[in-house]
N, C-alpha and C. Protein backbone atom coordinates (compact mmCIF):
# COMPACT_ATOMS: atom_id res chain seq x y z
N UNK A 1 87.14 144.25 165.90
CA UNK A 1 85.79 143.79 166.16
C UNK A 1 85.52 142.55 165.32
N UNK A 2 84.80 141.60 165.88
CA UNK A 2 84.50 140.39 165.12
C UNK A 2 83.58 140.70 163.94
N UNK A 3 83.68 139.88 162.92
CA UNK A 3 82.76 140.04 161.80
C UNK A 3 81.83 138.85 161.73
N UNK A 4 80.84 138.95 160.88
CA UNK A 4 79.81 137.91 160.83
C UNK A 4 80.08 136.87 159.75
N UNK A 5 81.24 136.91 159.11
CA UNK A 5 81.51 135.93 158.06
C UNK A 5 81.62 134.54 158.67
N UNK A 6 81.05 133.57 157.99
CA UNK A 6 81.06 132.21 158.47
C UNK A 6 79.95 131.89 159.46
N UNK A 7 79.10 132.85 159.74
CA UNK A 7 77.97 132.63 160.66
C UNK A 7 76.69 132.55 159.87
N UNK A 8 75.74 131.80 160.42
CA UNK A 8 74.45 131.71 159.77
C UNK A 8 73.66 132.99 160.03
N UNK A 9 72.69 133.26 159.19
CA UNK A 9 71.82 134.42 159.39
C UNK A 9 72.33 135.65 158.67
N UNK A 10 71.74 136.77 159.03
CA UNK A 10 72.10 138.04 158.40
C UNK A 10 73.49 138.49 158.82
N UNK A 11 74.16 139.22 157.93
CA UNK A 11 75.45 139.80 158.32
C UNK A 11 75.24 140.89 159.38
N UNK A 12 76.26 141.14 160.17
CA UNK A 12 76.18 142.17 161.20
C UNK A 12 75.88 143.53 160.60
N UNK A 13 75.09 144.32 161.34
CA UNK A 13 74.96 145.74 161.02
C UNK A 13 76.28 146.39 161.40
N UNK A 14 76.41 147.67 161.11
CA UNK A 14 77.63 148.37 161.50
C UNK A 14 77.82 148.32 163.01
N UNK A 15 79.06 148.08 163.43
CA UNK A 15 79.34 147.97 164.85
C UNK A 15 79.14 149.30 165.58
N UNK A 16 79.40 150.41 164.91
CA UNK A 16 79.37 151.71 165.58
C UNK A 16 78.00 152.00 166.19
N UNK A 17 76.95 151.85 165.42
CA UNK A 17 75.61 152.15 165.90
C UNK A 17 75.20 151.22 167.04
N UNK A 18 75.50 149.95 166.90
CA UNK A 18 75.15 148.98 167.93
C UNK A 18 75.95 149.25 169.20
N UNK A 19 77.23 149.56 169.08
CA UNK A 19 78.06 149.88 170.24
C UNK A 19 77.53 151.12 170.95
N UNK A 20 77.13 152.12 170.20
CA UNK A 20 76.56 153.31 170.81
C UNK A 20 75.27 152.98 171.55
N UNK A 21 74.47 152.06 171.01
CA UNK A 21 73.26 151.62 171.69
C UNK A 21 73.57 150.91 173.00
N UNK A 22 74.59 150.06 173.00
CA UNK A 22 74.99 149.35 174.22
C UNK A 22 75.49 150.35 175.26
N UNK A 23 76.32 151.29 174.84
CA UNK A 23 76.84 152.29 175.76
C UNK A 23 75.71 153.15 176.31
N UNK A 24 74.78 153.55 175.45
CA UNK A 24 73.65 154.36 175.89
C UNK A 24 72.82 153.61 176.93
N UNK A 25 72.59 152.35 176.69
CA UNK A 25 71.79 151.55 177.61
C UNK A 25 72.44 151.46 178.98
N UNK A 26 73.76 151.23 179.04
CA UNK A 26 74.43 151.12 180.32
C UNK A 26 74.60 152.48 181.00
N UNK A 27 74.76 153.52 180.20
CA UNK A 27 74.91 154.86 180.78
C UNK A 27 73.62 155.33 181.43
N UNK A 28 72.47 155.04 180.82
CA UNK A 28 71.20 155.50 181.35
C UNK A 28 70.55 154.50 182.29
N UNK A 29 70.91 153.22 182.19
CA UNK A 29 70.33 152.21 183.08
C UNK A 29 68.92 151.80 182.69
N UNK A 30 68.54 152.00 181.45
CA UNK A 30 67.19 151.64 181.00
C UNK A 30 67.13 150.16 180.64
N UNK A 31 65.92 149.59 180.63
CA UNK A 31 65.79 148.21 180.13
C UNK A 31 66.09 148.16 178.63
N UNK A 32 66.48 146.98 178.17
CA UNK A 32 66.80 146.83 176.74
C UNK A 32 65.62 147.24 175.87
N UNK A 33 64.41 146.91 176.27
CA UNK A 33 63.23 147.20 175.44
C UNK A 33 62.97 148.69 175.28
N UNK A 34 63.51 149.51 176.17
CA UNK A 34 63.29 150.96 176.11
C UNK A 34 64.39 151.69 175.35
N UNK A 35 65.26 150.96 174.68
CA UNK A 35 66.33 151.57 173.90
C UNK A 35 65.73 152.38 172.75
N UNK A 36 66.14 153.63 172.55
CA UNK A 36 65.58 154.43 171.45
C UNK A 36 65.77 153.76 170.09
N UNK A 37 64.82 153.98 169.21
CA UNK A 37 64.83 153.33 167.90
C UNK A 37 65.98 153.78 167.01
N UNK A 38 66.61 154.91 167.35
CA UNK A 38 67.72 155.39 166.52
C UNK A 38 68.91 154.43 166.54
N UNK A 39 68.97 153.53 167.52
CA UNK A 39 70.05 152.54 167.60
C UNK A 39 69.68 151.23 166.92
N UNK A 40 68.53 151.16 166.33
CA UNK A 40 68.07 149.94 165.68
C UNK A 40 67.22 149.12 166.62
N UNK A 41 66.82 147.94 166.19
CA UNK A 41 65.99 147.09 167.06
C UNK A 41 66.75 146.73 168.34
N UNK A 42 66.05 146.79 169.47
CA UNK A 42 66.71 146.51 170.74
C UNK A 42 67.22 145.07 170.79
N UNK A 43 66.53 144.16 170.08
CA UNK A 43 66.96 142.76 170.07
C UNK A 43 68.34 142.62 169.43
N UNK A 44 68.60 143.40 168.39
CA UNK A 44 69.90 143.36 167.72
C UNK A 44 71.00 143.83 168.66
N UNK A 45 70.74 144.93 169.35
CA UNK A 45 71.73 145.48 170.27
C UNK A 45 71.98 144.49 171.41
N UNK A 46 70.91 143.91 171.94
CA UNK A 46 71.05 142.95 173.04
C UNK A 46 71.81 141.71 172.59
N UNK A 47 71.47 141.18 171.40
CA UNK A 47 72.15 139.97 170.92
C UNK A 47 73.64 140.21 170.70
N UNK A 48 73.98 141.38 170.16
CA UNK A 48 75.40 141.68 169.94
C UNK A 48 76.13 141.79 171.28
N UNK A 49 75.51 142.44 172.25
CA UNK A 49 76.13 142.54 173.58
C UNK A 49 76.32 141.15 174.18
N UNK A 50 75.31 140.32 174.08
CA UNK A 50 75.39 138.95 174.63
C UNK A 50 76.46 138.14 173.91
N UNK A 51 76.54 138.27 172.60
CA UNK A 51 77.54 137.53 171.82
C UNK A 51 78.95 137.98 172.20
N UNK A 52 79.15 139.30 172.31
CA UNK A 52 80.47 139.82 172.65
C UNK A 52 80.86 139.46 174.08
N UNK A 53 79.89 139.33 174.97
CA UNK A 53 80.17 138.92 176.34
C UNK A 53 80.59 137.46 176.37
N UNK A 54 79.94 136.64 175.57
CA UNK A 54 80.22 135.21 175.57
C UNK A 54 81.52 134.83 174.90
N UNK A 55 81.90 135.53 173.83
CA UNK A 55 83.10 135.14 173.10
C UNK A 55 84.36 135.88 173.53
N UNK A 56 84.25 136.74 174.55
CA UNK A 56 85.43 137.40 175.09
C UNK A 56 85.82 138.68 174.39
N UNK A 57 84.96 139.21 173.52
CA UNK A 57 85.28 140.44 172.79
C UNK A 57 85.43 141.61 173.75
N UNK A 58 84.55 141.71 174.74
CA UNK A 58 84.64 142.82 175.70
C UNK A 58 85.96 142.75 176.47
N UNK A 59 86.40 141.56 176.82
CA UNK A 59 87.67 141.41 177.53
C UNK A 59 88.84 141.87 176.66
N UNK A 60 88.79 141.54 175.38
CA UNK A 60 89.86 141.95 174.47
C UNK A 60 89.87 143.47 174.30
N UNK A 61 88.68 144.07 174.21
CA UNK A 61 88.60 145.53 174.07
C UNK A 61 89.18 146.21 175.31
N UNK A 62 88.80 145.71 176.49
CA UNK A 62 89.30 146.30 177.73
C UNK A 62 90.82 146.15 177.83
N UNK A 63 91.34 144.98 177.49
CA UNK A 63 92.79 144.76 177.56
C UNK A 63 93.52 145.68 176.59
N UNK A 64 92.97 145.87 175.41
CA UNK A 64 93.59 146.75 174.43
C UNK A 64 93.58 148.21 174.90
N UNK A 65 92.45 148.66 175.43
CA UNK A 65 92.37 150.04 175.92
C UNK A 65 93.30 150.26 177.11
N UNK A 66 93.37 149.27 178.02
CA UNK A 66 94.27 149.40 179.16
C UNK A 66 95.74 149.44 178.73
N UNK A 67 96.11 148.61 177.78
CA UNK A 67 97.51 148.59 177.36
C UNK A 67 97.88 149.89 176.64
N UNK A 68 96.97 150.43 175.84
CA UNK A 68 97.24 151.71 175.17
C UNK A 68 97.35 152.85 176.18
N UNK A 69 96.45 152.86 177.17
CA UNK A 69 96.49 153.91 178.18
C UNK A 69 97.73 153.78 179.06
N UNK A 70 98.14 152.56 179.36
CA UNK A 70 99.34 152.35 180.16
C UNK A 70 100.59 152.78 179.40
N UNK A 71 100.64 152.48 178.11
CA UNK A 71 101.78 152.87 177.29
C UNK A 71 101.88 154.40 177.18
N UNK A 72 100.73 155.07 177.21
CA UNK A 72 100.72 156.52 177.13
C UNK A 72 100.95 157.17 178.49
N UNK A 73 101.04 156.36 179.54
CA UNK A 73 101.28 156.88 180.88
C UNK A 73 100.04 157.49 181.52
N UNK A 74 98.87 157.07 181.11
CA UNK A 74 97.63 157.63 181.63
C UNK A 74 97.09 156.87 182.84
N UNK A 75 97.71 155.76 183.19
CA UNK A 75 97.23 154.94 184.31
C UNK A 75 98.29 154.91 185.39
N UNK A 76 97.86 155.19 186.63
CA UNK A 76 98.74 155.04 187.78
C UNK A 76 98.33 153.75 188.49
N UNK A 77 99.25 152.81 188.58
CA UNK A 77 98.94 151.51 189.16
C UNK A 77 99.20 151.54 190.66
N UNK A 78 98.29 152.14 191.40
CA UNK A 78 98.38 152.18 192.85
C UNK A 78 97.32 151.25 193.42
N UNK A 79 97.62 150.67 194.56
CA UNK A 79 96.70 149.74 195.20
C UNK A 79 96.30 150.30 196.55
N UNK A 80 95.03 150.27 196.82
CA UNK A 80 94.51 150.69 198.11
C UNK A 80 93.90 149.46 198.79
N UNK A 81 94.36 149.16 200.00
CA UNK A 81 93.88 147.99 200.71
C UNK A 81 93.06 148.47 201.90
N UNK A 82 91.87 147.95 202.02
CA UNK A 82 90.99 148.29 203.12
C UNK A 82 90.83 147.05 203.98
N UNK A 83 91.08 147.19 205.27
CA UNK A 83 91.01 146.02 206.15
C UNK A 83 89.72 146.00 206.96
N UNK A 84 88.71 146.67 206.48
CA UNK A 84 87.43 146.69 207.19
C UNK A 84 86.79 145.31 207.15
N UNK A 85 86.22 144.90 208.29
CA UNK A 85 85.53 143.63 208.37
C UNK A 85 84.09 143.90 208.73
N UNK A 86 83.18 143.39 207.95
CA UNK A 86 81.75 143.51 208.23
C UNK A 86 81.23 142.14 208.61
N UNK A 87 80.61 142.08 209.76
CA UNK A 87 80.06 140.80 210.22
C UNK A 87 78.57 140.92 210.39
N UNK A 88 77.89 139.88 210.06
CA UNK A 88 76.44 139.85 210.21
C UNK A 88 76.08 139.46 211.64
N UNK A 89 74.95 139.94 212.07
CA UNK A 89 74.45 139.58 213.39
C UNK A 89 74.10 138.10 213.39
N UNK A 90 74.15 137.47 214.55
CA UNK A 90 73.89 136.04 214.61
C UNK A 90 72.48 135.68 214.15
N UNK A 91 71.56 136.62 214.25
CA UNK A 91 70.19 136.35 213.80
C UNK A 91 69.97 136.70 212.34
N UNK A 92 71.01 137.15 211.65
CA UNK A 92 70.88 137.53 210.26
C UNK A 92 70.96 136.33 209.32
N UNK A 93 71.24 135.18 209.83
CA UNK A 93 71.36 133.99 208.99
C UNK A 93 69.98 133.43 208.65
N UNK A 94 69.92 132.67 207.60
CA UNK A 94 68.66 132.05 207.22
C UNK A 94 68.64 130.56 207.57
N UNK A 95 69.60 130.11 208.38
CA UNK A 95 69.65 128.71 208.79
C UNK A 95 68.73 128.49 209.98
N UNK A 96 68.17 127.31 210.09
CA UNK A 96 67.38 127.03 211.29
C UNK A 96 68.30 126.94 212.50
N UNK A 97 67.75 127.09 213.68
CA UNK A 97 68.54 127.08 214.91
C UNK A 97 69.31 125.78 215.12
N UNK A 98 68.78 124.69 214.64
CA UNK A 98 69.43 123.41 214.88
C UNK A 98 70.61 123.15 213.94
N UNK A 99 70.83 124.04 212.98
CA UNK A 99 71.87 123.79 211.99
C UNK A 99 73.15 124.54 212.35
N UNK A 100 74.21 123.82 212.55
CA UNK A 100 75.54 124.39 212.68
C UNK A 100 75.79 125.19 213.93
N UNK A 101 77.04 125.31 214.28
CA UNK A 101 77.47 126.13 215.39
C UNK A 101 77.41 125.39 216.72
N UNK A 102 78.28 125.76 217.63
CA UNK A 102 78.25 125.15 218.96
C UNK A 102 76.94 125.46 219.67
N UNK A 103 76.53 124.55 220.52
CA UNK A 103 75.26 124.66 221.22
C UNK A 103 75.25 125.89 222.13
N UNK A 104 76.40 126.23 222.74
CA UNK A 104 76.42 127.33 223.68
C UNK A 104 76.17 128.68 223.02
N UNK A 105 76.25 128.76 221.71
CA UNK A 105 75.98 130.02 221.01
C UNK A 105 74.48 130.25 220.81
N UNK A 106 73.68 129.21 220.93
CA UNK A 106 72.26 129.34 220.72
C UNK A 106 71.59 129.87 221.98
N UNK A 107 70.63 130.77 221.79
CA UNK A 107 69.88 131.29 222.94
C UNK A 107 68.93 130.22 223.44
N UNK A 108 68.68 130.24 224.72
CA UNK A 108 67.75 129.29 225.31
C UNK A 108 66.69 130.04 226.09
N UNK A 109 65.55 129.43 226.26
CA UNK A 109 64.50 130.00 227.08
C UNK A 109 64.88 129.79 228.53
N UNK A 110 64.84 130.80 229.32
CA UNK A 110 65.20 130.67 230.72
C UNK A 110 66.68 130.86 230.97
N UNK A 111 67.50 130.90 229.97
CA UNK A 111 68.92 131.22 230.11
C UNK A 111 69.82 130.05 230.42
N UNK A 112 69.31 128.83 230.70
CA UNK A 112 70.19 127.70 231.03
C UNK A 112 69.74 126.48 230.25
N UNK A 113 70.67 125.54 230.07
CA UNK A 113 70.36 124.29 229.37
C UNK A 113 70.31 123.17 230.34
């Protein structure tokens, strides 16, 4: 985990409590402001999450956990491919009628051009 040495401001609080606050927030789906006070100020938890997202700490944690789990044989690397295609209806677009597409695809009043 990164430390706060060489940074301006207060030193980091313990990572454990803040990490538990971040996990609690994502597990329950609550807004940051509704985080229980037992995890400390919600601003601290939010800032640490934002900092770790920006500097790649979360990516390093995930890579480390994946490599440890793979080495222990806990991950099966299987791929499932789904070839489903979902298409929107022609009227589902937000473009005006005059924008794009061949003219014959546009509906006309009376049925002929």
